Amino acid sequence: MMKVNVKCFSQVQYALGQTELLVELENGSKASDLEKLIRIRAKGKLDDVSLRVAINKNYVNEDTELKDSDEVAFIPPVQGG
């Protein structure tokens, strides 16, 4: 098992009600596995939101394998104001 720190921004923060959370995953998990888990925890609030993923402040694709202690951010589209 491994633990990753998820940073929550914008719509992800609102959907989960947290700015940060620690998630335990199976070794070999990918960014897409974590995204599925985050969407489940959001209970439908992120269903229509496309997310980019960054691991340790670098954008990656969803097939990137996570490592213990990674910092992961799911970044929704930028919104204008």
PDB file of N, CA and C in Angstrom:
ATOM      1  N   MET A   1       0.832  -1.186   0.000  1.00  0.00           N
ATOM      2  CA  MET A   1       0.000   0.000   0.000  1.00  0.00           C
ATOM      3  C   MET A   1       0.877   1.251   0.000  1.00  0.00           C
ATOM      4  N   MET A   2       0.321   2.310  -0.562  1.00  0.00           N
ATOM      5  CA  MET A   2       1.020   3.596  -0.576  1.00  0.00           C
ATOM      6  C   MET A   2       0.030   4.694  -0.231  1.00  0.00           C
ATOM      7  N   LYS A   3       0.567   5.829   0.160  1.00  0.00           N
ATOM      8  CA  LYS A   3      -0.254   6.988   0.477  1.00  0.00           C
ATOM      9  C   LYS A   3       0.175   8.151  -0.402  1.00  0.00           C
ATOM     10  N   VAL A   4      -0.818   8.858  -0.945  1.00  0.00           N
ATOM     11  CA  VAL A   4      -0.552  10.055  -1.738  1.00  0.00           C
ATOM     12  C   VAL A   4      -1.346  11.210  -1.148  1.00  0.00           C
ATOM     13  N   ASN A   5      -0.801  12.393  -1.280  1.00  0.00           N
ATOM     14  CA  ASN A   5      -1.447  13.600  -0.781  1.00  0.00           C
ATOM     15  C   ASN A   5      -2.145  14.285  -1.947  1.00  0.00           C
ATOM     16  N   VAL A   6      -3.456  14.465  -1.839  1.00  0.00           N
ATOM     17  CA  VAL A   6      -4.233  15.087  -2.906  1.00  0.00           C
ATOM     18  C   VAL A   6      -4.537  16.530  -2.527  1.00  0.00           C
ATOM     19  N   LYS A   7      -4.144  17.450  -3.397  1.00  0.00           N
ATOM     20  CA  LYS A   7      -4.452  18.870  -3.241  1.00  0.00           C
ATOM     21  C   LYS A   7      -5.734  19.148  -4.016  1.00  0.00           C
ATOM     22  N   CYS A   8      -6.683  19.809  -3.376  1.00  0.00           N
ATOM     23  CA  CYS A   8      -7.987  20.063  -3.984  1.00  0.00           C
ATOM     24  C   CYS A   8      -8.134  21.551  -4.298  1.00  0.00           C
ATOM     25  N   PHE A   9      -8.429  21.852  -5.552  1.00  0.00           N
ATOM     26  CA  PHE A   9      -8.603  23.227  -5.996  1.00  0.00           C
ATOM     27  C   PHE A   9      -9.986  23.411  -6.610  1.00  0.00           C
ATOM     28  N   SER A  10     -10.481  24.622  -6.542  1.00  0.00           N
ATOM     29  CA  SER A  10     -11.690  25.041  -7.238  1.00  0.00           C
ATOM     30  C   SER A  10     -12.851  24.065  -7.057  1.00  0.00           C
ATOM     31  N   GLN A  11     -13.394  23.543  -8.153  1.00  0.00           N
ATOM     32  CA  GLN A  11     -14.559  22.662  -8.082  1.00  0.00           C
ATOM     33  C   GLN A  11     -14.285  21.380  -7.302  1.00  0.00           C
ATOM     34  N   VAL A  12     -13.063  20.894  -7.330  1.00  0.00           N
ATOM     35  CA  VAL A  12     -12.721  19.682  -6.573  1.00  0.00           C
ATOM     36  C   VAL A  12     -12.818  19.988  -5.076  1.00  0.00           C
ATOM     37  N   GLN A  13     -12.328  21.131  -4.681  1.00  0.00           N
ATOM     38  CA  GLN A  13     -12.405  21.548  -3.279  1.00  0.00           C
ATOM     39  C   GLN A  13     -13.865  21.688  -2.848  1.00  0.00           C
ATOM     40  N   TYR A  14     -14.670  22.317  -3.660  1.00  0.00           N
ATOM     41  CA  TYR A  14     -16.084  22.496  -3.316  1.00  0.00           C
ATOM     42  C   TYR A  14     -16.809  21.156  -3.252  1.00  0.00           C
ATOM     43  N   ALA A  15     -16.498  20.260  -4.178  1.00  0.00           N
ATOM     44  CA  ALA A  15     -17.171  18.959  -4.229  1.00  0.00           C
ATOM     45  C   ALA A  15     -16.827  18.092  -3.027  1.00  0.00           C
ATOM     46  N   LEU A  16     -15.573  18.155  -2.579  1.00  0.00           N
ATOM     47  CA  LEU A  16     -15.130  17.305  -1.475  1.00  0.00           C
ATOM     48  C   LEU A  16     -15.189  18.007  -0.119  1.00  0.00           C
ATOM     49  N   GLY A  17     -15.274  19.331  -0.128  1.00  0.00           N
ATOM     50  CA  GLY A  17     -15.300  20.073   1.117  1.00  0.00           C
ATOM     51  C   GLY A  17     -13.974  20.082   1.852  1.00  0.00           C
ATOM     52  N   GLN A  18     -12.885  19.845   1.119  1.00  0.00           N
ATOM     53  CA  GLN A  18     -11.545  19.811   1.713  1.00  0.00           C
ATOM     54  C   GLN A  18     -10.542  20.437   0.754  1.00  0.00           C
ATOM     55  N   THR A  19      -9.478  20.975   1.321  1.00  0.00           N
ATOM     56  CA  THR A  19      -8.407  21.521   0.483  1.00  0.00           C
ATOM     57  C   THR A  19      -7.304  20.502   0.238  1.00  0.00           C
ATOM     58  N   GLU A  20      -7.291  19.464   1.055  1.00  0.00           N
ATOM     59  CA  GLU A  20      -6.224  18.460   0.969  1.00  0.00           C
ATOM     60  C   GLU A  20      -6.716  17.170   1.626  1.00  0.00           C
ATOM     61  N   LEU A  21      -6.306  16.042   1.084  1.00  0.00           N
ATOM     62  CA  LEU A  21      -6.616  14.779   1.742  1.00  0.00           C
ATOM     63  C   LEU A  21      -5.526  13.752   1.462  1.00  0.00           C
ATOM     64  N   LEU A  22      -5.371  12.826   2.388  1.00  0.00           N
ATOM     65  CA  LEU A  22      -4.407  11.743   2.274  1.00  0.00           C
ATOM     66  C   LEU A  22      -5.171  10.499   1.853  1.00  0.00           C
ATOM     67  N   VAL A  23      -4.734   9.879   0.754  1.00  0.00           N
ATOM     68  CA  VAL A  23      -5.444   8.726   0.202  1.00  0.00           C
ATOM     69  C   VAL A  23      -4.502   7.531   0.164  1.00  0.00           C
ATOM     70  N   GLU A  24      -5.002   6.394   0.617  1.00  0.00           N
ATOM     71  CA  GLU A  24      -4.230   5.157   0.580  1.00  0.00           C
ATOM     72  C   GLU A  24      -4.673   4.347  -0.639  1.00  0.00           C
ATOM     73  N   LEU A  25      -3.698   3.895  -1.420  1.00  0.00           N
ATOM     74  CA  LEU A  25      -3.951   3.156  -2.659  1.00  0.00           C
ATOM     75  C   LEU A  25      -3.077   1.911  -2.726  1.00  0.00           C
ATOM     76  N   GLU A  26      -3.481   0.991  -3.566  1.00  0.00           N
ATOM     77  CA  GLU A  26      -2.669  -0.191  -3.847  1.00  0.00           C
ATOM     78  C   GLU A  26      -1.411   0.227  -4.604  1.00  0.00           C
ATOM     79  N   ASN A  27      -0.302  -0.438  -4.347  1.00  0.00           N
ATOM     80  CA  ASN A  27       0.909  -0.201  -5.136  1.00  0.00           C
ATOM     81  C   ASN A  27       0.597  -0.457  -6.599  1.00  0.00           C
ATOM     82  N   GLY A  28       1.161   0.347  -7.467  1.00  0.00           N
ATOM     83  CA  GLY A  28       0.919   0.200  -8.899  1.00  0.00           C
ATOM     84  C   GLY A  28      -0.287   0.972  -9.394  1.00  0.00           C
ATOM     85  N   SER A  29      -0.983   1.685  -8.507  1.00  0.00           N
ATOM     86  CA  SER A  29      -2.141   2.477  -8.919  1.00  0.00           C
ATOM     87  C   SER A  29      -1.700   3.608  -9.838  1.00  0.00           C
ATOM     88  N   LYS A  30      -2.590   3.970 -10.742  1.00  0.00           N
ATOM     89  CA  LYS A  30      -2.318   5.039 -11.693  1.00  0.00           C
ATOM     90  C   LYS A  30      -3.147   6.270 -11.345  1.00  0.00           C
ATOM     91  N   ALA A  31      -2.808   7.370 -11.986  1.00  0.00           N
ATOM     92  CA  ALA A  31      -3.555   8.614 -11.764  1.00  0.00           C
ATOM     93  C   ALA A  31      -5.033   8.415 -12.073  1.00  0.00           C
ATOM     94  N   SER A  32      -5.346   7.619 -13.070  1.00  0.00           N
ATOM     95  CA  SER A  32      -6.756   7.369 -13.423  1.00  0.00           C
ATOM     96  C   SER A  32      -7.496   6.638 -12.304  1.00  0.00           C
ATOM     97  N   ASP A  33      -6.811   5.747 -11.598  1.00  0.00           N
ATOM     98  CA  ASP A  33      -7.433   5.047 -10.466  1.00  0.00           C
ATOM     99  C   ASP A  33      -7.786   6.034  -9.352  1.00  0.00           C
ATOM    100  N   LEU A  34      -6.881   6.954  -9.092  1.00  0.00           N
ATOM    101  CA  LEU A  34      -7.125   7.955  -8.066  1.00  0.00           C
ATOM    102  C   LEU A  34      -8.251   8.893  -8.494  1.00  0.00           C
ATOM    103  N   GLU A  35      -8.276   9.268  -9.756  1.00  0.00           N
ATOM    104  CA  GLU A  35      -9.351  10.148 -10.240  1.00  0.00           C
ATOM    105  C   GLU A  35     -10.716   9.484 -10.057  1.00  0.00           C
ATOM    106  N   LYS A  36     -10.817   8.194 -10.356  1.00  0.00           N
ATOM    107  CA  LYS A  36     -12.078   7.474 -10.152  1.00  0.00           C
ATOM    108  C   LYS A  36     -12.504   7.538  -8.697  1.00  0.00           C
ATOM    109  N   LEU A  37     -11.561   7.341  -7.794  1.00  0.00           N
ATOM    110  CA  LEU A  37     -11.850   7.392  -6.365  1.00  0.00           C
ATOM    111  C   LEU A  37     -12.324   8.790  -5.941  1.00  0.00           C
ATOM    112  N   ILE A  38     -11.665   9.819  -6.439  1.00  0.00           N
ATOM    113  CA  ILE A  38     -12.047  11.195  -6.119  1.00  0.00           C
ATOM    114  C   ILE A  38     -13.450  11.491  -6.641  1.00  0.00           C
ATOM    115  N   ARG A  39     -13.757  11.035  -7.836  1.00  0.00           N
ATOM    116  CA  ARG A  39     -15.091  11.259  -8.404  1.00  0.00           C
ATOM    117  C   ARG A  39     -16.165  10.527  -7.591  1.00  0.00           C
ATOM    118  N   ILE A  40     -15.853   9.342  -7.106  1.00  0.00           N
ATOM    119  CA  ILE A  40     -16.802   8.609  -6.253  1.00  0.00           C
ATOM    120  C   ILE A  40     -17.052   9.385  -4.966  1.00  0.00           C
ATOM    121  N   ARG A  41     -15.982   9.876  -4.364  1.00  0.00           N
ATOM    122  CA  ARG A  41     -16.116  10.648  -3.115  1.00  0.00           C
ATOM    123  C   ARG A  41     -16.889  11.950  -3.322  1.00  0.00           C
ATOM    124  N   ALA A  42     -16.845  12.485  -4.542  1.00  0.00           N
ATOM    125  CA  ALA A  42     -17.542  13.735  -4.852  1.00  0.00           C
ATOM    126  C   ALA A  42     -19.045  13.518  -5.055  1.00  0.00           C
ATOM    127  N   LYS A  43     -19.483  12.276  -5.101  1.00  0.00           N
ATOM    128  CA  LYS A  43     -20.906  11.918  -5.198  1.00  0.00           C
ATOM    129  C   LYS A  43     -21.631  12.637  -6.327  1.00  0.00           C
ATOM    130  N   GLY A  44     -21.021  12.610  -7.518  1.00  0.00           N
ATOM    131  CA  GLY A  44     -21.662  13.175  -8.702  1.00  0.00           C
ATOM    132  C   GLY A  44     -21.387  14.640  -8.961  1.00  0.00           C
ATOM    133  N   LYS A  45     -20.787  15.334  -8.013  1.00  0.00           N
ATOM    134  CA  LYS A  45     -20.569  16.772  -8.170  1.00  0.00           C
ATOM    135  C   LYS A  45     -19.504  17.108  -9.211  1.00  0.00           C
ATOM    136  N   LEU A  46     -18.712  16.117  -9.620  1.00  0.00           N
ATOM    137  CA  LEU A  46     -17.667  16.355 -10.632  1.00  0.00           C
ATOM    138  C   LEU A  46     -17.960  15.636 -11.945  1.00  0.00           C
ATOM    139  N   ASP A  47     -19.166  15.114 -12.083  1.00  0.00           N
ATOM    140  CA  ASP A  47     -19.488  14.305 -13.269  1.00  0.00           C
ATOM    141  C   ASP A  47     -19.303  15.052 -14.581  1.00  0.00           C
ATOM    142  N   ASP A  48     -19.594  16.339 -14.620  1.00  0.00           N
ATOM    143  CA  ASP A  48     -19.480  17.112 -15.857  1.00  0.00           C
ATOM    144  C   ASP A  48     -18.221  17.970 -15.911  1.00  0.00           C
ATOM    145  N   VAL A  49     -17.261  17.668 -15.046  1.00  0.00           N
ATOM    146  CA  VAL A  49     -16.042  18.473 -14.965  1.00  0.00           C
ATOM    147  C   VAL A  49     -14.859  17.662 -15.492  1.00  0.00           C
ATOM    148  N   SER A  50     -14.177  18.206 -16.498  1.00  0.00           N
ATOM    149  CA  SER A  50     -12.952  17.554 -16.970  1.00  0.00           C
ATOM    150  C   SER A  50     -11.808  18.010 -16.070  1.00  0.00           C
ATOM    151  N   LEU A  51     -10.922  17.090 -15.749  1.00  0.00           N
ATOM    152  CA  LEU A  51      -9.833  17.387 -14.834  1.00  0.00           C
ATOM    153  C   LEU A  51      -8.485  17.066 -15.474  1.00  0.00           C
ATOM    154  N   ARG A  52      -7.508  17.933 -15.247  1.00  0.00           N
ATOM    155  CA  ARG A  52      -6.115  17.647 -15.588  1.00  0.00           C
ATOM    156  C   ARG A  52      -5.454  17.172 -14.317  1.00  0.00           C
ATOM    157  N   VAL A  53      -4.461  16.316 -14.464  1.00  0.00           N
ATOM    158  CA  VAL A  53      -3.777  15.797 -13.278  1.00  0.00           C
ATOM    159  C   VAL A  53      -2.314  16.240 -13.287  1.00  0.00           C
ATOM    160  N   ALA A  54      -1.859  16.640 -12.116  1.00  0.00           N
ATOM    161  CA  ALA A  54      -0.449  17.000 -11.931  1.00  0.00           C
ATOM    162  C   ALA A  54       0.082  16.171 -10.765  1.00  0.00           C
ATOM    163  N   ILE A  55       1.253  15.600 -10.964  1.00  0.00           N
ATOM    164  CA  ILE A  55       1.928  14.855  -9.906  1.00  0.00           C
ATOM    165  C   ILE A  55       3.225  15.585  -9.598  1.00  0.00           C
ATOM    166  N   ASN A  56       3.388  15.938  -8.339  1.00  0.00           N
ATOM    167  CA  ASN A  56       4.569  16.691  -7.895  1.00  0.00           C
ATOM    168  C   ASN A  56       4.803  17.929  -8.758  1.00  0.00           C
ATOM    169  N   LYS A  57       3.686  18.638  -9.042  1.00  0.00           N
ATOM    170  CA  LYS A  57       3.652  19.918  -9.761  1.00  0.00           C
ATOM    171  C   LYS A  57       3.973  19.817 -11.244  1.00  0.00           C
ATOM    172  N   ASN A  58       3.913  18.609 -11.816  1.00  0.00           N
ATOM    173  CA  ASN A  58       4.121  18.421 -13.255  1.00  0.00           C
ATOM    174  C   ASN A  58       2.887  17.759 -13.850  1.00  0.00           C
ATOM    175  N   TYR A  59       2.362  18.349 -14.923  1.00  0.00           N
ATOM    176  CA  TYR A  59       1.217  17.738 -15.587  1.00  0.00           C
ATOM    177  C   TYR A  59       1.622  16.389 -16.173  1.00  0.00           C
ATOM    178  N   VAL A  60       0.737  15.396 -16.000  1.00  0.00           N
ATOM    179  CA  VAL A  60       0.990  14.047 -16.500  1.00  0.00           C
ATOM    180  C   VAL A  60      -0.290  13.522 -17.135  1.00  0.00           C
ATOM    181  N   ASN A  61      -0.203  12.368 -17.793  1.00  0.00           N
ATOM    182  CA  ASN A  61      -1.422  11.757 -18.325  1.00  0.00           C
ATOM    183  C   ASN A  61      -1.977  10.774 -17.308  1.00  0.00           C
ATOM    184  N   GLU A  62      -3.184  10.314 -17.558  1.00  0.00           N
ATOM    185  CA  GLU A  62      -3.886   9.474 -16.583  1.00  0.00           C
ATOM    186  C   GLU A  62      -3.270   8.090 -16.409  1.00  0.00           C
ATOM    187  N   ASP A  63      -2.389   7.683 -17.312  1.00  0.00           N
ATOM    188  CA  ASP A  63      -1.751   6.372 -17.208  1.00  0.00           C
ATOM    189  C   ASP A  63      -0.486   6.386 -16.353  1.00  0.00           C
ATOM    190  N   THR A  64      -0.123   7.534 -15.824  1.00  0.00           N
ATOM    191  CA  THR A  64       1.088   7.658 -15.011  1.00  0.00           C
ATOM    192  C   THR A  64       0.910   6.929 -13.689  1.00  0.00           C
ATOM    193  N   GLU A  65       1.889   6.095 -13.365  1.00  0.00           N
ATOM    194  CA  GLU A  65       1.846   5.330 -12.113  1.00  0.00           C
ATOM    195  C   GLU A  65       2.235   6.221 -10.940  1.00  0.00           C
ATOM    196  N   LEU A  66       1.474   6.104  -9.872  1.00  0.00           N
ATOM    197  CA  LEU A  66       1.731   6.882  -8.665  1.00  0.00           C
ATOM    198  C   LEU A  66       2.758   6.188  -7.783  1.00  0.00           C
ATOM    199  N   LYS A  67       3.450   6.985  -6.982  1.00  0.00           N
ATOM    200  CA  LYS A  67       4.429   6.458  -6.034  1.00  0.00           C
ATOM    201  C   LYS A  67       4.078   6.958  -4.637  1.00  0.00           C
ATOM    202  N   ASP A  68       4.520   6.228  -3.638  1.00  0.00           N
ATOM    203  CA  ASP A  68       4.277   6.608  -2.253  1.00  0.00           C
ATOM    204  C   ASP A  68       4.754   8.041  -2.013  1.00  0.00           C
ATOM    205  N   SER A  69       3.936   8.817  -1.337  1.00  0.00           N
ATOM    206  CA  SER A  69       4.226  10.206  -0.951  1.00  0.00           C
ATOM    207  C   SER A  69       4.110  11.210  -2.088  1.00  0.00           C
ATOM    208  N   ASP A  70       3.604  10.796  -3.250  1.00  0.00           N
ATOM    209  CA  ASP A  70       3.385  11.757  -4.330  1.00  0.00           C
ATOM    210  C   ASP A  70       2.379  12.811  -3.895  1.00  0.00           C
ATOM    211  N   GLU A  71       2.544  14.012  -4.441  1.00  0.00           N
ATOM    212  CA  GLU A  71       1.551  15.068  -4.266  1.00  0.00           C
ATOM    213  C   GLU A  71       0.779  15.163  -5.581  1.00  0.00           C
ATOM    214  N   VAL A  72      -0.518  14.959  -5.509  1.00  0.00           N
ATOM    215  CA  VAL A  72      -1.349  14.916  -6.705  1.00  0.00           C
ATOM    216  C   VAL A  72      -2.374  16.039  -6.646  1.00  0.00           C
ATOM    217  N   ALA A  73      -2.526  16.732  -7.764  1.00  0.00           N
ATOM    218  CA  ALA A  73      -3.547  17.781  -7.857  1.00  0.00           C
ATOM    219  C   ALA A  73      -4.417  17.490  -9.068  1.00  0.00           C
ATOM    220  N   PHE A  74      -5.722  17.580  -8.872  1.00  0.00           N
ATOM    221  CA  PHE A  74      -6.672  17.488  -9.983  1.00  0.00           C
ATOM    222  C   PHE A  74      -7.142  18.900 -10.255  1.00  0.00           C
ATOM    223  N   ILE A  75      -6.856  19.364 -11.461  1.00  0.00           N
ATOM    224  CA  ILE A  75      -7.077  20.768 -11.778  1.00  0.00           C
ATOM    225  C   ILE A  75      -8.203  20.895 -12.794  1.00  0.00           C
ATOM    226  N   PRO A  76      -9.308  21.538 -12.399  1.00  0.00           N
ATOM    227  CA  PRO A  76     -10.420  21.748 -13.313  1.00  0.00           C
ATOM    228  C   PRO A  76     -10.086  22.857 -14.304  1.00  0.00           C
ATOM    229  N   PRO A  77     -10.912  23.025 -15.327  1.00  0.00           N
ATOM    230  CA  PRO A  77     -10.665  24.098 -16.294  1.00  0.00           C
ATOM    231  C   PRO A  77     -10.668  25.461 -15.603  1.00  0.00           C
ATOM    232  N   VAL A  78      -9.886  26.363 -16.138  1.00  0.00           N
ATOM    233  CA  VAL A  78      -9.830  27.721 -15.611  1.00  0.00           C
ATOM    234  C   VAL A  78     -11.154  28.402 -15.942  1.00  0.00           C
ATOM    235  N   GLN A  79     -11.682  29.121 -14.962  1.00  0.00           N
ATOM    236  CA  GLN A  79     -12.940  29.815 -15.159  1.00  0.00           C
ATOM    237  C   GLN A  79     -12.711  31.312 -15.175  1.00  0.00           C
ATOM    238  N   GLY A  80     -13.409  31.979 -16.058  1.00  0.00           N
ATOM    239  CA  GLY A  80     -13.279  33.432 -16.154  1.00  0.00           C
ATOM    240  C   GLY A  80     -14.193  34.116 -15.144  1.00  0.00           C
ATOM    241  N   GLY A  81     -14.024  35.400 -14.997  1.00  0.00           N
ATOM    242  CA  GLY A  81     -14.841  36.103 -14.030  1.00  0.00           C
ATOM    243  C   GLY A  81     -15.216  37.473 -14.421  1.00  0.00           C
TER     244      GLY A  81
END
